[in-house]
Amino acid sequence: MTTRWLLLYLRSRRVPWVAPISVAAVAVVVLPWAAWADRPEVDPSLAVLTLVLALAPLIPTLAGDDDALERTAALPWPPRRMLHLIGAGAFVAVLLLAARPIGSDFGPAGQIIRNSAGLAGLSGFGVALLGTRLAWAAPITWSALQAMLGAPGGPGWRQSLFWLIQPSDSGPAAITAAVLLLAGLFTYAARAGPSG
């Protein structure tokens, strides 16, 4: 029964049709990098852009077609929304980690998980505040700015601002990602705004 509900939920959110787009976004970077790069370590800026390109197609799946219908359902939506958001971040992290044996290393596992979780939270926050049509703006803009302007290290405020570029042992980056994840989880779970 649980499996059937999960399959229906994923289909209603268009996940089976969108997930291959995320896989393709990672493959577009992984395959040429593995074939032509002289080292497996992917440039940190390219790693950030790959992560957000893999996550972006999943953002529209965070809303159903009819929020009014969801509000009338007998099922409690907040836990399901939280699991959906966590699942999107985990899916992207697994894609990047799975590229390592192929010859593309997107960084340490801790860094990939931190960045995926933080960007998933930022996406959920965007959906809660702006709806799915505009939710992509925050994670894509922040990621692009970090990829272009960010550098590892520096004072704590700079590590927080450019948290995606920081090494996996950066405390300020971890705190920033955790705050974004929690803010996204709770605002998205309680969302009553527009779906589009």
C-alpha atoms as a PDB file:
ATOM      1  CA  MET A   1       0.000   0.000   0.000  1.00  0.00           C
ATOM      2  CA  THR A   2       2.809   2.413   0.913  1.00  0.00           C
ATOM      3  CA  THR A   3       4.692   1.593  -2.277  1.00  0.00           C
ATOM      4  CA  ARG A   4       1.584   2.187  -4.394  1.00  0.00           C
ATOM      5  CA  TRP A   5       0.968   5.555  -2.723  1.00  0.00           C
ATOM      6  CA  LEU A   6       4.589   6.545  -3.287  1.00  0.00           C
ATOM      7  CA  LEU A   7       4.427   5.642  -6.980  1.00  0.00           C
ATOM      8  CA  LEU A   8       1.207   7.621  -7.415  1.00  0.00           C
ATOM      9  CA  TYR A   9       2.717  10.580  -5.578  1.00  0.00           C
ATOM     10  CA  LEU A  10       5.863  10.563  -7.726  1.00  0.00           C
ATOM     11  CA  ARG A  11       3.810  10.331 -10.915  1.00  0.00           C
ATOM     12  CA  SER A  12       1.525  13.172  -9.812  1.00  0.00           C
ATOM     13  CA  ARG A  13       4.620  15.336  -9.283  1.00  0.00           C
ATOM     14  CA  ARG A  14       6.094  14.286 -12.668  1.00  0.00           C
ATOM     15  CA  VAL A  15       9.267  12.912 -11.039  1.00  0.00           C
ATOM     16  CA  PRO A  16       9.688   9.929 -13.438  1.00  0.00           C
ATOM     17  CA  TRP A  17       9.748  12.319 -16.408  1.00  0.00           C
ATOM     18  CA  VAL A  18      12.028  14.906 -14.805  1.00  0.00           C
ATOM     19  CA  ALA A  19      14.626  12.700 -13.095  1.00  0.00           C
ATOM     20  CA  PRO A  20      16.213  11.661 -16.438  1.00  0.00           C
ATOM     21  CA  ILE A  21      16.778  15.353 -17.206  1.00  0.00           C
ATOM     22  CA  SER A  22      18.816  15.653 -14.002  1.00  0.00           C
ATOM     23  CA  VAL A  23      20.776  12.548 -14.973  1.00  0.00           C
ATOM     24  CA  ALA A  24      21.423  14.048 -18.420  1.00  0.00           C
ATOM     25  CA  ALA A  25      22.581  17.352 -16.881  1.00  0.00           C
ATOM     26  CA  VAL A  26      25.234  15.491 -14.889  1.00  0.00           C
ATOM     27  CA  ALA A  27      26.164  13.287 -17.857  1.00  0.00           C
ATOM     28  CA  VAL A  28      26.779  16.354 -20.052  1.00  0.00           C
ATOM     29  CA  VAL A  29      29.580  17.321 -17.662  1.00  0.00           C
ATOM     30  CA  VAL A  30      30.791  13.883 -16.579  1.00  0.00           C
ATOM     31  CA  LEU A  31      31.300  12.228 -19.953  1.00  0.00           C
ATOM     32  CA  PRO A  32      33.468  14.931 -21.582  1.00  0.00           C
ATOM     33  CA  TRP A  33      35.373  15.482 -18.328  1.00  0.00           C
ATOM     34  CA  ALA A  34      36.141  11.782 -17.956  1.00  0.00           C
ATOM     35  CA  ALA A  35      37.154  11.533 -21.614  1.00  0.00           C
ATOM     36  CA  TRP A  36      39.345  14.606 -22.021  1.00  0.00           C
ATOM     37  CA  ALA A  37      40.398  16.041 -18.663  1.00  0.00           C
ATOM     38  CA  ASP A  38      43.880  15.211 -17.444  1.00  0.00           C
ATOM     39  CA  ARG A  39      42.691  14.766 -13.850  1.00  0.00           C
ATOM     40  CA  PRO A  40      39.520  13.355 -12.267  1.00  0.00           C
ATOM     41  CA  GLU A  41      38.954  16.340  -9.932  1.00  0.00           C
ATOM     42  CA  VAL A  42      36.300  18.604 -11.462  1.00  0.00           C
ATOM     43  CA  ASP A  43      36.914  22.331 -11.092  1.00  0.00           C
ATOM     44  CA  PRO A  44      34.983  23.564  -7.988  1.00  0.00           C
ATOM     45  CA  SER A  45      33.069  26.186 -10.002  1.00  0.00           C
ATOM     46  CA  LEU A  46      31.997  23.596 -12.562  1.00  0.00           C
ATOM     47  CA  ALA A  47      31.029  21.229  -9.736  1.00  0.00           C
ATOM     48  CA  VAL A  48      28.720  23.906  -8.272  1.00  0.00           C
ATOM     49  CA  LEU A  49      27.129  24.619 -11.644  1.00  0.00           C
ATOM     50  CA  THR A  50      26.648  20.907 -12.322  1.00  0.00           C
ATOM     51  CA  LEU A  51      24.937  20.460  -8.974  1.00  0.00           C
ATOM     52  CA  VAL A  52      22.477  23.288  -9.572  1.00  0.00           C
ATOM     53  CA  LEU A  53      21.811  22.147 -13.155  1.00  0.00           C
ATOM     54  CA  ALA A  54      20.937  18.691 -11.822  1.00  0.00           C
ATOM     55  CA  LEU A  55      18.686  20.147  -9.117  1.00  0.00           C
ATOM     56  CA  ALA A  56      16.882  22.747 -11.261  1.00  0.00           C
ATOM     57  CA  PRO A  57      14.672  20.276 -13.191  1.00  0.00           C
ATOM     58  CA  LEU A  58      13.441  18.827  -9.890  1.00  0.00           C
ATOM     59  CA  ILE A  59      12.169  22.173  -8.544  1.00  0.00           C
ATOM     60  CA  PRO A  60       8.842  22.078 -10.453  1.00  0.00           C
ATOM     61  CA  THR A  61       8.121  18.659  -8.928  1.00  0.00           C
ATOM     62  CA  LEU A  62       7.867  20.323  -5.517  1.00  0.00           C
ATOM     63  CA  ALA A  63       4.324  21.510  -6.290  1.00  0.00           C
ATOM     64  CA  GLY A  64       1.271  19.669  -7.450  1.00  0.00           C
ATOM     65  CA  ASP A  65      -1.182  20.843 -10.038  1.00  0.00           C
ATOM     66  CA  ASP A  66      -3.748  22.040  -7.514  1.00  0.00           C
ATOM     67  CA  ASP A  67      -2.815  23.361  -4.060  1.00  0.00           C
ATOM     68  CA  ALA A  68      -6.487  23.704  -3.094  1.00  0.00           C
ATOM     69  CA  LEU A  69      -6.962  19.993  -3.709  1.00  0.00           C
ATOM     70  CA  GLU A  70      -3.917  19.174  -1.584  1.00  0.00           C
ATOM     71  CA  ARG A  71      -5.267  21.251   1.298  1.00  0.00           C
ATOM     72  CA  THR A  72      -8.473  19.198   1.312  1.00  0.00           C
ATOM     73  CA  ALA A  73      -6.721  15.809   1.239  1.00  0.00           C
ATOM     74  CA  ALA A  74      -6.915  13.525   4.250  1.00  0.00           C
ATOM     75  CA  LEU A  75      -3.163  12.883   4.139  1.00  0.00           C
ATOM     76  CA  PRO A  76      -0.813  15.083   6.176  1.00  0.00           C
ATOM     77  CA  TRP A  77       1.249  16.923   3.546  1.00  0.00           C
ATOM     78  CA  PRO A  78       4.054  18.496   5.635  1.00  0.00           C
ATOM     79  CA  PRO A  79       5.987  15.250   6.248  1.00  0.00           C
ATOM     80  CA  ARG A  80       5.571  14.235   2.613  1.00  0.00           C
ATOM     81  CA  ARG A  81       6.786  17.603   1.418  1.00  0.00           C
ATOM     82  CA  MET A  82       9.807  17.371   3.704  1.00  0.00           C
ATOM     83  CA  LEU A  83      10.651  13.905   2.401  1.00  0.00           C
ATOM     84  CA  HIS A  84      10.229  15.080  -1.181  1.00  0.00           C
ATOM     85  CA  LEU A  85      12.668  17.962  -0.646  1.00  0.00           C
ATOM     86  CA  ILE A  86      15.195  15.735   1.136  1.00  0.00           C
ATOM     87  CA  GLY A  87      14.786  13.152  -1.624  1.00  0.00           C
ATOM     88  CA  ALA A  88      15.528  15.736  -4.334  1.00  0.00           C
ATOM     89  CA  GLY A  89      18.742  16.791  -2.588  1.00  0.00           C
ATOM     90  CA  ALA A  90      19.754  13.177  -1.958  1.00  0.00           C
ATOM     91  CA  PHE A  91      19.094  12.221  -5.584  1.00  0.00           C
ATOM     92  CA  VAL A  92      21.399  14.961  -6.856  1.00  0.00           C
ATOM     93  CA  ALA A  93      24.091  14.047  -4.311  1.00  0.00           C
ATOM     94  CA  VAL A  94      23.948  10.393  -5.412  1.00  0.00           C
ATOM     95  CA  LEU A  95      24.289  11.421  -9.068  1.00  0.00           C
ATOM     96  CA  LEU A  96      27.440  13.404  -8.342  1.00  0.00           C
ATOM     97  CA  LEU A  97      28.910  10.721  -6.104  1.00  0.00           C
ATOM     98  CA  ALA A  98      28.167   8.049  -8.734  1.00  0.00           C
ATOM     99  CA  ALA A  99      30.309   9.961 -11.241  1.00  0.00           C
ATOM    100  CA  ARG A 100      33.483   9.234  -9.264  1.00  0.00           C
ATOM    101  CA  PRO A 101      34.034   5.678 -10.577  1.00  0.00           C
ATOM    102  CA  ILE A 102      33.471   6.962 -14.123  1.00  0.00           C
ATOM    103  CA  GLY A 103      36.378   9.398 -13.755  1.00  0.00           C
ATOM    104  CA  SER A 104      34.785  12.672 -12.598  1.00  0.00           C
ATOM    105  CA  ASP A 105      35.361  13.633  -8.972  1.00  0.00           C
ATOM    106  CA  PHE A 106      33.041  16.441  -7.834  1.00  0.00           C
ATOM    107  CA  GLY A 107      34.697  16.706  -4.425  1.00  0.00           C
ATOM    108  CA  PRO A 108      34.551  14.979  -1.058  1.00  0.00           C
ATOM    109  CA  ALA A 109      31.294  13.243  -0.168  1.00  0.00           C
ATOM    110  CA  GLY A 110      30.720  15.592   2.774  1.00  0.00           C
ATOM    111  CA  GLN A 111      30.987  18.639   0.544  1.00  0.00           C
ATOM    112  CA  ILE A 112      28.632  17.178  -2.072  1.00  0.00           C
ATOM    113  CA  ILE A 113      26.056  16.231   0.556  1.00  0.00           C
ATOM    114  CA  ARG A 114      26.330  19.655   2.247  1.00  0.00           C
ATOM    115  CA  ASN A 115      25.905  21.524  -1.030  1.00  0.00           C
ATOM    116  CA  SER A 116      23.032  19.345  -2.233  1.00  0.00           C
ATOM    117  CA  ALA A 117      21.201  19.716   1.071  1.00  0.00           C
ATOM    118  CA  GLY A 118      21.679  23.480   1.224  1.00  0.00           C
ATOM    119  CA  LEU A 119      20.562  24.040  -2.365  1.00  0.00           C
ATOM    120  CA  ALA A 120      17.565  21.751  -1.893  1.00  0.00           C
ATOM    121  CA  GLY A 121      16.593  23.807   1.156  1.00  0.00           C
ATOM    122  CA  LEU A 122      17.017  27.027  -0.793  1.00  0.00           C
ATOM    123  CA  SER A 123      14.803  25.582  -3.535  1.00  0.00           C
ATOM    124  CA  GLY A 124      12.094  24.663  -1.021  1.00  0.00           C
ATOM    125  CA  PHE A 125      12.282  28.135   0.467  1.00  0.00           C
ATOM    126  CA  GLY A 126      11.905  29.595  -3.018  1.00  0.00           C
ATOM    127  CA  VAL A 127       8.860  27.421  -3.765  1.00  0.00           C
ATOM    128  CA  ALA A 128       7.235  28.469  -0.490  1.00  0.00           C
ATOM    129  CA  LEU A 129       7.771  32.171  -1.123  1.00  0.00           C
ATOM    130  CA  LEU A 130       7.625  32.513  -4.905  1.00  0.00           C
ATOM    131  CA  GLY A 131       5.933  29.413  -6.310  1.00  0.00           C
ATOM    132  CA  THR A 132       7.554  26.930  -8.659  1.00  0.00           C
ATOM    133  CA  ARG A 133       7.732  29.278 -11.653  1.00  0.00           C
ATOM    134  CA  LEU A 134      10.212  31.569  -9.886  1.00  0.00           C
ATOM    135  CA  ALA A 135      11.722  29.239  -7.273  1.00  0.00           C
ATOM    136  CA  TRP A 136      14.658  28.369  -9.550  1.00  0.00           C
ATOM    137  CA  ALA A 137      15.930  31.967  -9.412  1.00  0.00           C
ATOM    138  CA  ALA A 138      17.427  31.807  -5.911  1.00  0.00           C
ATOM    139  CA  PRO A 139      19.495  28.595  -6.195  1.00  0.00           C
ATOM    140  CA  ILE A 140      20.634  29.261  -9.764  1.00  0.00           C
ATOM    141  CA  THR A 141      21.579  32.907  -9.132  1.00  0.00           C
ATOM    142  CA  TRP A 142      23.385  32.165  -5.880  1.00  0.00           C
ATOM    143  CA  SER A 143      25.237  29.223  -7.425  1.00  0.00           C
ATOM    144  CA  ALA A 144      26.260  31.189 -10.513  1.00  0.00           C
ATOM    145  CA  LEU A 145      27.579  34.078  -8.407  1.00  0.00           C
ATOM    146  CA  GLN A 146      29.554  31.696  -6.218  1.00  0.00           C
ATOM    147  CA  ALA A 147      30.966  29.869  -9.224  1.00  0.00           C
ATOM    148  CA  MET A 148      32.125  33.163 -10.758  1.00  0.00           C
ATOM    149  CA  LEU A 149      33.164  35.178  -7.690  1.00  0.00           C
ATOM    150  CA  GLY A 150      33.697  32.680  -4.894  1.00  0.00           C
ATOM    151  CA  ALA A 151      36.959  31.416  -3.510  1.00  0.00           C
ATOM    152  CA  PRO A 152      37.678  29.029  -0.659  1.00  0.00           C
ATOM    153  CA  GLY A 153      38.789  30.334   2.703  1.00  0.00           C
ATOM    154  CA  GLY A 154      38.687  33.807   4.134  1.00  0.00           C
ATOM    155  CA  PRO A 155      36.826  35.170   7.149  1.00  0.00           C
ATOM    156  CA  GLY A 156      33.710  33.429   8.450  1.00  0.00           C
ATOM    157  CA  TRP A 157      31.271  35.799   6.759  1.00  0.00           C
ATOM    158  CA  ARG A 158      32.941  35.145   3.394  1.00  0.00           C
ATOM    159  CA  GLN A 159      32.835  31.380   3.933  1.00  0.00           C
ATOM    160  CA  SER A 160      29.114  31.699   4.691  1.00  0.00           C
ATOM    161  CA  LEU A 161      28.433  33.855   1.653  1.00  0.00           C
ATOM    162  CA  PHE A 162      30.392  31.538  -0.666  1.00  0.00           C
ATOM    163  CA  TRP A 163      29.506  28.338   1.147  1.00  0.00           C
ATOM    164  CA  LEU A 164      29.212  26.190  -2.001  1.00  0.00           C
ATOM    165  CA  ILE A 165      32.896  26.706  -2.868  1.00  0.00           C
ATOM    166  CA  GLN A 166      34.247  25.989   0.631  1.00  0.00           C
ATOM    167  CA  PRO A 167      36.024  22.744   1.532  1.00  0.00           C
ATOM    168  CA  SER A 168      34.078  20.083   3.396  1.00  0.00           C
ATOM    169  CA  ASP A 169      35.605  21.017   6.773  1.00  0.00           C
ATOM    170  CA  SER A 170      34.383  24.648   6.688  1.00  0.00           C
ATOM    171  CA  GLY A 171      32.224  25.279   9.756  1.00  0.00           C
ATOM    172  CA  PRO A 172      30.568  28.477   8.458  1.00  0.00           C
ATOM    173  CA  ALA A 173      29.681  26.736   5.176  1.00  0.00           C
ATOM    174  CA  ALA A 174      28.144  23.789   7.029  1.00  0.00           C
ATOM    175  CA  ILE A 175      26.111  26.117   9.257  1.00  0.00           C
ATOM    176  CA  THR A 176      24.880  28.099   6.246  1.00  0.00           C
ATOM    177  CA  ALA A 177      23.830  24.923   4.404  1.00  0.00           C
ATOM    178  CA  ALA A 178      22.075  23.600   7.533  1.00  0.00           C
ATOM    179  CA  VAL A 179      20.183  26.868   8.035  1.00  0.00           C
ATOM    180  CA  LEU A 180      19.108  26.884   4.377  1.00  0.00           C
ATOM    181  CA  LEU A 181      18.005  23.254   4.573  1.00  0.00           C
ATOM    182  CA  LEU A 182      15.977  23.776   7.740  1.00  0.00           C
ATOM    183  CA  ALA A 183      14.439  27.035   6.512  1.00  0.00           C
ATOM    184  CA  GLY A 184      13.513  25.363   3.244  1.00  0.00           C
ATOM    185  CA  LEU A 185      12.109  22.252   4.887  1.00  0.00           C
ATOM    186  CA  PHE A 186       9.859  24.095   7.313  1.00  0.00           C
ATOM    187  CA  THR A 187       8.643  26.855   4.990  1.00  0.00           C
ATOM    188  CA  TYR A 188       8.011  24.392   2.174  1.00  0.00           C
ATOM    189  CA  ALA A 189       6.241  21.945   4.492  1.00  0.00           C
ATOM    190  CA  ALA A 190       3.926  24.698   5.763  1.00  0.00           C
ATOM    191  CA  ARG A 191       3.485  26.251   2.311  1.00  0.00           C
ATOM    192  CA  ALA A 192       0.058  27.479   1.394  1.00  0.00           C
ATOM    193  CA  GLY A 193       1.123  29.712  -1.470  1.00  0.00           C
ATOM    194  CA  PRO A 194       0.621  29.418  -5.197  1.00  0.00           C
ATOM    195  CA  SER A 195       1.776  26.301  -7.005  1.00  0.00           C
ATOM    196  CA  GLY A 196       3.039  28.112 -10.046  1.00  0.00           C
END
